N, C-alpha and C. Protein backbone atom coordinates (compact mmCIF):
# COMPACT_ATOMS: atom_id res chain seq x y z
N MET A 1 118.60 64.67 209.35
CA MET A 1 118.50 66.14 208.58
C MET A 1 117.04 66.34 208.15
N LEU A 2 116.50 67.50 208.14
CA LEU A 2 115.05 67.72 207.82
C LEU A 2 115.06 67.99 206.33
N ASN A 3 114.17 67.30 205.62
CA ASN A 3 113.91 67.39 204.13
C ASN A 3 112.90 68.26 204.06
N ILE A 4 112.48 68.43 202.76
CA ILE A 4 111.23 69.45 202.55
C ILE A 4 109.93 68.84 203.01
N TYR A 5 109.90 67.43 202.91
CA TYR A 5 108.70 66.86 203.41
C TYR A 5 108.52 67.00 205.00
N GLY A 6 109.53 66.97 205.62
CA GLY A 6 109.55 67.28 207.17
C GLY A 6 109.15 68.59 207.40
N ALA A 7 109.59 69.63 206.66
CA ALA A 7 109.12 71.00 206.83
C ALA A 7 107.76 71.24 206.46
N ILE A 8 107.36 70.36 205.51
CA ILE A 8 106.00 70.36 205.30
C ILE A 8 105.08 69.93 206.31
N MET A 9 105.42 68.93 206.99
CA MET A 9 104.80 68.18 208.10
C MET A 9 104.82 69.17 209.24
N ILE A 10 105.93 69.91 209.63
CA ILE A 10 105.98 70.82 210.57
C ILE A 10 104.99 72.00 210.51
N SER A 11 104.83 72.43 209.15
CA SER A 11 103.90 73.51 208.66
C SER A 11 102.63 73.05 209.13
N ALA A 12 102.27 71.68 208.71
CA ALA A 12 100.93 71.15 209.10
C ALA A 12 100.59 71.11 210.42
N ALA A 13 101.71 70.89 211.38
CA ALA A 13 101.33 70.84 212.65
C ALA A 13 101.03 72.30 213.15
N PHE A 14 101.66 73.28 212.64
CA PHE A 14 101.37 74.79 212.97
C PHE A 14 99.93 75.16 212.51
N ILE A 15 99.42 74.59 211.38
CA ILE A 15 98.13 74.75 211.02
C ILE A 15 97.20 74.10 212.04
N ASN A 16 97.54 72.81 212.37
CA ASN A 16 96.82 72.07 213.25
C ASN A 16 96.63 72.79 214.72
N ALA A 17 97.68 73.46 215.13
CA ALA A 17 97.69 74.35 216.40
C ALA A 17 96.68 75.43 216.17
N ILE A 18 96.71 76.09 214.96
CA ILE A 18 95.81 77.06 214.76
C ILE A 18 94.33 76.59 215.00
N SER A 19 94.05 75.49 214.28
CA SER A 19 92.59 75.03 214.47
C SER A 19 92.15 74.56 215.79
N GLN A 20 93.25 74.11 216.57
CA GLN A 20 93.01 73.90 217.99
C GLN A 20 92.80 75.30 218.85
N VAL A 21 93.30 76.04 218.62
CA VAL A 21 93.10 77.44 219.16
C VAL A 21 91.65 78.19 218.71
N LEU A 22 91.52 77.81 217.59
CA LEU A 22 90.02 78.32 217.13
C LEU A 22 89.08 77.70 217.61
N LEU A 23 89.21 76.34 217.90
CA LEU A 23 88.05 75.51 218.74
C LEU A 23 88.05 76.17 220.18
N LYS A 24 89.21 76.41 220.80
CA LYS A 24 89.19 76.94 222.11
C LYS A 24 88.58 78.20 222.14
N LYS A 25 88.78 79.07 221.30
CA LYS A 25 88.22 80.47 221.26
C LYS A 25 86.67 80.32 221.02
N SER A 26 86.24 79.30 220.23
CA SER A 26 84.92 79.29 219.96
C SER A 26 84.13 78.64 221.20
N ALA A 27 84.80 77.88 221.88
CA ALA A 27 84.30 77.21 223.11
C ALA A 27 84.08 78.44 224.15
N ASP A 28 85.12 79.23 224.26
CA ASP A 28 84.98 80.51 225.09
C ASP A 28 83.96 81.50 224.70
N ASP A 29 83.70 81.72 223.46
CA ASP A 29 82.77 82.69 222.87
C ASP A 29 81.30 82.18 222.87
N THR A 30 81.06 80.83 223.09
CA THR A 30 79.67 80.32 222.78
C THR A 30 79.19 79.51 224.23
N LYS A 31 79.83 79.91 225.24
CA LYS A 31 79.63 79.20 226.58
C LYS A 31 78.14 79.14 226.75
N GLU A 32 77.39 80.27 226.73
CA GLU A 32 75.92 80.39 227.04
C GLU A 32 74.98 79.93 225.90
N LYS A 33 75.50 79.49 224.79
CA LYS A 33 74.58 79.16 223.68
C LYS A 33 74.23 77.81 223.56
N ASN A 34 73.22 77.37 222.80
CA ASN A 34 72.81 75.84 222.82
C ASN A 34 73.84 75.08 222.01
N PHE A 35 73.70 73.80 221.90
CA PHE A 35 74.57 72.93 221.20
C PHE A 35 74.67 73.22 219.84
N LEU A 36 73.49 73.46 219.09
CA LEU A 36 73.39 73.66 217.67
C LEU A 36 74.27 74.99 217.32
N GLU A 37 73.92 76.09 218.05
CA GLU A 37 74.61 77.24 217.83
C GLU A 37 76.06 77.02 218.09
N LYS A 38 76.49 76.39 219.01
CA LYS A 38 78.01 76.09 219.16
C LYS A 38 78.55 75.27 217.97
N LEU A 39 77.88 74.25 217.41
CA LEU A 39 78.34 73.53 216.30
C LEU A 39 78.27 74.34 214.97
N LEU A 40 77.24 75.21 214.80
CA LEU A 40 77.17 76.02 213.46
C LEU A 40 77.86 77.32 213.60
N ASN A 41 79.05 77.34 214.29
CA ASN A 41 79.73 78.51 214.42
C ASN A 41 80.78 78.62 213.34
N LYS A 42 81.22 79.89 212.95
CA LYS A 42 82.03 79.99 211.84
C LYS A 42 83.47 79.42 212.27
N LYS A 43 83.92 79.82 213.51
CA LYS A 43 85.32 79.31 214.01
C LYS A 43 85.28 77.75 214.05
N VAL A 44 84.33 77.20 214.56
CA VAL A 44 84.19 75.76 214.55
C VAL A 44 84.31 75.12 213.03
N PHE A 45 83.45 75.74 212.07
CA PHE A 45 83.50 75.22 210.83
C PHE A 45 85.06 75.39 210.41
N LEU A 46 85.72 76.51 210.36
CA LEU A 46 86.90 76.83 209.85
C LEU A 46 87.96 75.94 210.42
N ALA A 47 87.87 75.68 211.91
CA ALA A 47 88.69 74.74 212.58
C ALA A 47 88.71 73.33 211.93
N TYR A 48 87.53 72.84 211.74
CA TYR A 48 87.42 71.46 211.16
C TYR A 48 87.84 71.38 209.59
N VAL A 49 87.74 72.52 208.90
CA VAL A 49 88.22 72.56 207.47
C VAL A 49 89.77 72.47 207.72
N LEU A 50 90.26 73.24 208.50
CA LEU A 50 91.77 73.33 208.75
C LEU A 50 92.27 71.81 209.12
N PHE A 51 91.53 71.20 209.99
CA PHE A 51 91.78 69.71 210.30
C PHE A 51 91.89 68.79 209.17
N GLY A 52 90.90 69.08 208.22
CA GLY A 52 90.93 68.25 207.01
C GLY A 52 92.05 68.50 206.12
N ILE A 53 92.50 69.82 206.01
CA ILE A 53 93.46 70.28 205.21
C ILE A 53 94.86 69.59 205.74
N VAL A 54 94.99 69.66 207.02
CA VAL A 54 96.27 69.09 207.77
C VAL A 54 96.29 67.60 207.49
N PHE A 55 95.15 67.09 207.44
CA PHE A 55 95.17 65.52 207.05
C PHE A 55 95.77 65.41 205.64
N LEU A 56 95.13 66.16 204.79
CA LEU A 56 95.68 65.84 203.31
C LEU A 56 97.25 66.31 203.18
N ILE A 57 97.61 67.31 203.92
CA ILE A 57 98.98 67.87 203.84
C ILE A 57 99.83 66.60 204.46
N ASN A 58 99.47 66.07 205.54
CA ASN A 58 100.41 64.93 206.13
C ASN A 58 100.29 63.57 205.21
N LEU A 59 99.27 63.45 204.65
CA LEU A 59 99.17 62.41 203.72
C LEU A 59 100.23 62.65 202.52
N TYR A 60 100.45 63.77 202.00
CA TYR A 60 101.41 64.08 201.09
C TYR A 60 102.80 64.06 201.59
N ALA A 61 102.99 64.57 203.00
CA ALA A 61 104.17 64.71 203.50
C ALA A 61 104.86 63.38 203.77
N TYR A 62 103.99 62.44 204.05
CA TYR A 62 104.52 61.09 204.45
C TYR A 62 105.17 60.30 203.31
N ARG A 63 105.21 60.96 202.13
CA ARG A 63 105.85 60.46 201.02
C ARG A 63 107.35 60.59 201.17
N GLY A 64 107.89 61.70 201.86
CA GLY A 64 109.17 61.84 202.17
C GLY A 64 109.67 61.70 203.56
N VAL A 65 108.70 61.28 204.38
CA VAL A 65 109.04 61.22 205.71
C VAL A 65 108.72 59.81 206.19
N HIS A 66 109.69 59.06 206.85
CA HIS A 66 109.42 57.89 207.58
C HIS A 66 108.32 57.82 208.64
N PHE A 67 107.37 56.82 208.75
CA PHE A 67 106.36 56.80 209.60
C PHE A 67 107.03 56.90 211.07
N LYS A 68 108.09 56.33 211.21
CA LYS A 68 108.60 56.44 212.55
C LYS A 68 108.87 57.84 213.15
N TYR A 69 109.22 58.80 212.19
CA TYR A 69 109.49 60.11 212.34
C TYR A 69 108.32 61.00 212.43
N GLY A 70 107.22 60.59 211.80
CA GLY A 70 106.11 61.37 211.51
C GLY A 70 105.33 61.87 212.80
N GLY A 71 105.12 60.90 213.77
CA GLY A 71 104.82 61.25 215.11
C GLY A 71 105.56 62.12 215.89
N ALA A 72 106.83 61.99 215.95
CA ALA A 72 107.79 62.90 216.68
C ALA A 72 107.55 64.29 215.98
N ILE A 73 107.50 64.39 214.58
CA ILE A 73 107.40 65.69 214.00
C ILE A 73 106.10 66.42 214.51
N GLN A 74 105.12 65.66 214.49
CA GLN A 74 103.61 66.15 214.76
C GLN A 74 103.60 66.63 216.17
N SER A 75 104.27 65.82 217.19
CA SER A 75 104.24 66.29 218.56
C SER A 75 104.67 67.79 218.77
N ILE A 76 105.48 68.28 217.79
CA ILE A 76 105.88 69.70 217.96
C ILE A 76 104.79 70.83 217.89
N GLY A 77 103.65 70.26 217.51
CA GLY A 77 102.41 70.78 217.40
C GLY A 77 101.94 71.43 218.81
N GLN A 78 102.32 70.55 219.84
CA GLN A 78 101.95 70.93 221.13
C GLN A 78 102.63 72.22 221.48
N VAL A 79 103.83 72.39 221.08
CA VAL A 79 104.66 73.75 221.41
C VAL A 79 103.94 74.83 220.85
N PHE A 80 103.56 74.62 219.54
CA PHE A 80 102.88 75.71 218.71
C PHE A 80 101.49 76.00 219.47
N VAL A 81 100.69 74.95 220.04
CA VAL A 81 99.52 75.21 220.64
C VAL A 81 99.62 76.22 221.94
N LEU A 82 100.83 75.81 222.65
CA LEU A 82 101.14 76.68 223.81
C LEU A 82 101.50 78.08 223.49
N MET A 83 102.12 78.33 222.40
CA MET A 83 102.56 79.69 222.06
C MET A 83 101.27 80.38 221.65
N LEU A 84 100.47 79.84 220.80
CA LEU A 84 99.25 80.37 220.40
C LEU A 84 98.26 80.63 221.44
N SER A 85 98.11 79.81 222.37
CA SER A 85 97.21 79.86 223.46
C SER A 85 97.62 81.07 224.29
N VAL A 86 98.86 81.28 224.58
CA VAL A 86 99.33 82.38 225.41
C VAL A 86 99.06 83.54 224.62
N LEU A 87 99.20 83.79 223.29
CA LEU A 87 98.97 84.93 222.62
C LEU A 87 97.59 85.31 222.36
N PHE A 88 96.64 84.28 221.97
CA PHE A 88 95.44 84.64 221.57
C PHE A 88 94.42 84.15 222.55
N CYS A 89 94.66 83.24 223.59
CA CYS A 89 93.65 82.85 224.43
C CYS A 89 93.90 83.42 225.84
N ASN A 90 94.85 84.20 226.03
CA ASN A 90 95.43 84.79 227.21
C ASN A 90 95.63 83.76 228.42
N GLU A 91 96.14 82.54 227.94
CA GLU A 91 96.42 81.51 228.97
C GLU A 91 97.66 81.88 229.56
N LYS A 92 97.96 81.59 230.81
CA LYS A 92 99.05 81.82 231.52
C LYS A 92 100.11 80.87 231.16
N LEU A 93 101.46 81.32 231.03
CA LEU A 93 102.65 80.53 230.62
C LEU A 93 103.21 80.10 232.08
N THR A 94 102.95 78.92 232.46
CA THR A 94 103.41 78.54 233.76
C THR A 94 104.63 77.64 233.63
N LYS A 95 105.26 77.51 234.69
CA LYS A 95 106.49 76.85 234.79
C LYS A 95 106.49 75.22 234.39
N ASN A 96 105.31 74.52 234.72
CA ASN A 96 105.03 73.27 234.27
C ASN A 96 104.86 73.22 232.83
N ARG A 97 104.11 74.17 232.17
CA ARG A 97 103.89 74.16 230.63
C ARG A 97 105.25 74.40 230.00
N ILE A 98 106.08 75.16 230.63
CA ILE A 98 107.43 75.37 229.83
C ILE A 98 108.23 74.11 229.89
N VAL A 99 108.25 73.48 231.21
CA VAL A 99 109.10 72.20 231.28
C VAL A 99 108.56 71.19 230.37
N GLY A 100 107.16 71.08 230.35
CA GLY A 100 106.66 70.05 229.53
C GLY A 100 106.97 70.32 227.91
N ASN A 101 106.78 71.49 227.62
CA ASN A 101 107.30 71.58 226.18
C ASN A 101 108.78 71.51 225.91
N LEU A 102 109.51 71.77 226.94
CA LEU A 102 110.99 71.43 226.76
C LEU A 102 111.24 70.02 226.75
N PHE A 103 110.48 69.16 227.39
CA PHE A 103 110.57 67.76 227.38
C PHE A 103 110.19 67.31 225.87
N ILE A 104 109.10 67.82 225.42
CA ILE A 104 108.67 67.48 224.08
C ILE A 104 109.78 67.85 223.00
N ILE A 105 110.37 68.98 223.08
CA ILE A 105 111.44 69.34 222.24
C ILE A 105 112.56 68.50 222.33
N CYS A 106 113.16 68.25 223.47
CA CYS A 106 114.21 67.39 223.82
C CYS A 106 114.02 65.99 223.24
N GLY A 107 112.71 65.49 223.41
CA GLY A 107 112.30 64.19 223.09
C GLY A 107 112.46 64.07 221.38
N VAL A 108 111.94 65.10 220.99
CA VAL A 108 111.97 65.04 219.38
C VAL A 108 113.49 65.14 218.86
N VAL A 109 114.24 65.86 219.51
CA VAL A 109 115.70 66.09 219.10
C VAL A 109 116.45 64.63 219.46
N ILE A 110 116.25 64.12 220.55
CA ILE A 110 116.83 62.82 220.80
C ILE A 110 116.30 61.73 219.91
N TYR A 111 114.98 61.68 219.71
CA TYR A 111 114.51 60.62 218.59
C TYR A 111 115.25 60.79 217.30
N SER A 112 115.34 62.09 216.88
CA SER A 112 115.89 62.30 215.61
C SER A 112 117.20 62.01 215.44
N LEU A 113 117.92 62.12 216.50
CA LEU A 113 119.51 61.76 216.42
C LEU A 113 119.68 60.16 216.22
N ARG A 114 118.63 59.42 216.58
CA ARG A 114 118.90 57.88 216.37
C ARG A 114 119.17 57.42 214.98
């Protein structure tokens, strides 16, 4: 059963997915700029700040989540990345991506039943 700490960790996985999509969008927006301009981008800065926040949230969440379940919970973030990439990066939702994400979800459910 999912407790409040597990829900916090799932929320952190969603925030992490947002930061990954921000990095992707920034890479798309700055294709023709030099390295320093790419690095000193608002989206890149925000994405790394979000990564830091996710780290701190996960540190807190591990108070109530066993380490063996933490990795499984965090893998849900890949499902969030797929959804956000389709919505904001105009990536195609392919059969392989759907099947892959279904495997992730099934794996988390099976692992959690143990």
